[in-house]
Amino acid sequence: MTSIDAPAVRAMGAAVTGTGDQLAGAAAVIPGWEYAGRGAVEGAVVCADEMAHAARFWQITVEGLAGLVRGYGDDLRAAAGDFVATDNNAADRIQTAGKPG
């Protein structure tokens, strides 16, 4: 018979989801990057425009990564729950099968 430490897997899932939340938080502040280049080069409007585009692309990338990481955390917690349910079901069937009819 196999076994996993379901509470530990759930805790890992929660930690991974927390990391996804931190990534989402980091993505939320990226739009402010477009203002970081203002005044860096006098009269360089292109720098500000390019910085805004770069910031948006980074935001999209980091938001996507956050979603993937959160999804993995959800999968870990679901797997722990599925294992416990399956293990309990198997134990019930074994107990029932062992009882004389």
Protein backbone atom coordinates (compact mmCIF):
# COMPACT_ATOMS: atom_id res chain seq x y z
CA MET A 1 0.00 0.00 0.00
CA THR A 2 1.23 3.47 -0.77
CA SER A 3 0.80 6.56 1.30
CA ILE A 4 1.48 10.28 1.18
CA ASP A 5 1.60 12.84 3.91
CA ALA A 6 -1.62 14.57 2.82
CA PRO A 7 -1.35 17.44 5.35
CA ALA A 8 2.19 18.14 4.13
CA VAL A 9 1.06 18.09 0.49
CA ARG A 10 -1.80 20.46 1.35
CA ALA A 11 0.70 22.75 3.11
CA MET A 12 2.96 22.67 0.04
CA GLY A 13 -0.05 23.55 -2.11
CA ALA A 14 -0.87 26.48 0.15
CA ALA A 15 2.74 27.67 0.05
CA VAL A 16 2.86 27.40 -3.74
CA THR A 17 -0.42 29.30 -4.03
CA GLY A 18 1.05 31.95 -1.72
CA THR A 19 3.99 32.28 -4.08
CA GLY A 20 1.53 32.74 -6.95
CA ASP A 21 -0.19 35.46 -4.95
CA GLN A 22 3.18 37.20 -4.42
CA LEU A 23 3.86 37.03 -8.16
CA ALA A 24 0.45 38.55 -8.85
CA GLY A 25 1.26 41.32 -6.39
CA ALA A 26 4.54 41.97 -8.16
CA ALA A 27 2.74 42.11 -11.51
CA ALA A 28 0.31 44.68 -10.14
CA VAL A 29 3.07 47.27 -9.62
CA ILE A 30 4.75 46.78 -12.99
CA PRO A 31 2.66 49.44 -14.78
CA GLY A 32 4.44 52.03 -12.64
CA TRP A 33 7.68 51.16 -14.42
CA GLU A 34 6.72 53.31 -17.37
CA TYR A 35 7.33 56.37 -15.21
CA ALA A 36 10.75 55.19 -14.07
CA GLY A 37 12.37 56.34 -17.32
CA ARG A 38 10.85 59.82 -17.34
CA GLY A 39 13.53 62.42 -17.48
CA ALA A 40 16.29 59.85 -17.92
CA VAL A 41 17.19 61.32 -21.28
CA GLU A 42 16.04 64.85 -21.93
CA GLY A 43 13.44 64.98 -24.69
CA ALA A 44 13.42 61.20 -25.22
CA VAL A 45 9.72 60.52 -25.62
CA VAL A 46 10.52 57.17 -27.24
CA CYS A 47 12.08 55.92 -24.01
CA ALA A 48 8.88 56.49 -22.06
CA ASP A 49 6.76 54.84 -24.76
CA GLU A 50 9.07 51.83 -25.03
CA MET A 51 9.18 51.54 -21.24
CA ALA A 52 5.38 51.48 -21.13
CA HIS A 53 5.29 48.70 -23.74
CA ALA A 54 8.00 46.72 -21.97
CA ALA A 55 6.19 47.12 -18.65
CA ARG A 56 2.93 45.87 -20.14
CA PHE A 57 4.58 42.82 -21.69
CA TRP A 58 6.31 42.01 -18.40
CA GLN A 59 3.04 42.44 -16.54
CA ILE A 60 1.31 39.99 -18.87
CA THR A 61 4.17 37.49 -18.49
CA VAL A 62 4.28 37.70 -14.70
CA GLU A 63 0.48 37.53 -14.41
CA GLY A 64 0.53 34.38 -16.56
CA LEU A 65 3.24 32.86 -14.40
CA ALA A 66 1.25 33.72 -11.27
CA GLY A 67 -1.77 31.93 -12.71
CA LEU A 68 0.29 28.84 -13.50
CA VAL A 69 1.83 28.78 -10.02
CA ARG A 70 -1.54 29.24 -8.33
CA GLY A 71 -2.95 26.45 -10.50
CA TYR A 72 -0.15 24.13 -9.42
CA GLY A 73 -0.87 24.95 -5.77
CA ASP A 74 -4.54 24.16 -6.36
CA ASP A 75 -3.56 20.88 -8.03
CA LEU A 76 -1.42 19.87 -5.05
CA ARG A 77 -4.24 20.51 -2.60
CA ALA A 78 -6.73 18.67 -4.82
CA ALA A 79 -4.35 15.70 -5.16
CA ALA A 80 -4.01 15.45 -1.39
CA GLY A 81 -7.78 15.52 -0.99
CA ASP A 82 -8.26 12.94 -3.76
CA PHE A 83 -5.69 10.64 -2.18
CA VAL A 84 -7.34 10.83 1.23
CA ALA A 85 -10.79 10.17 -0.27
CA THR A 86 -9.51 7.21 -2.30
CA ASP A 87 -7.59 5.83 0.67
CA ASN A 88 -10.68 6.09 2.90
CA ASN A 89 -12.84 4.46 0.24
CA ALA A 90 -10.39 1.57 -0.12
CA ALA A 91 -10.23 1.13 3.65
CA ASP A 92 -14.04 1.03 3.84
CA ARG A 93 -14.21 -1.58 1.08
CA ILE A 94 -11.58 -3.73 2.77
CA GLN A 95 -13.42 -3.53 6.09
CA THR A 96 -16.74 -4.38 4.43
CA ALA A 97 -15.24 -7.27 2.47
CA GLY A 98 -13.75 -8.75 5.63
CA LYS A 99 -17.09 -8.94 7.47
CA PRO A 100 -19.02 -12.18 7.21
CA GLY A 101 -22.29 -11.68 5.36
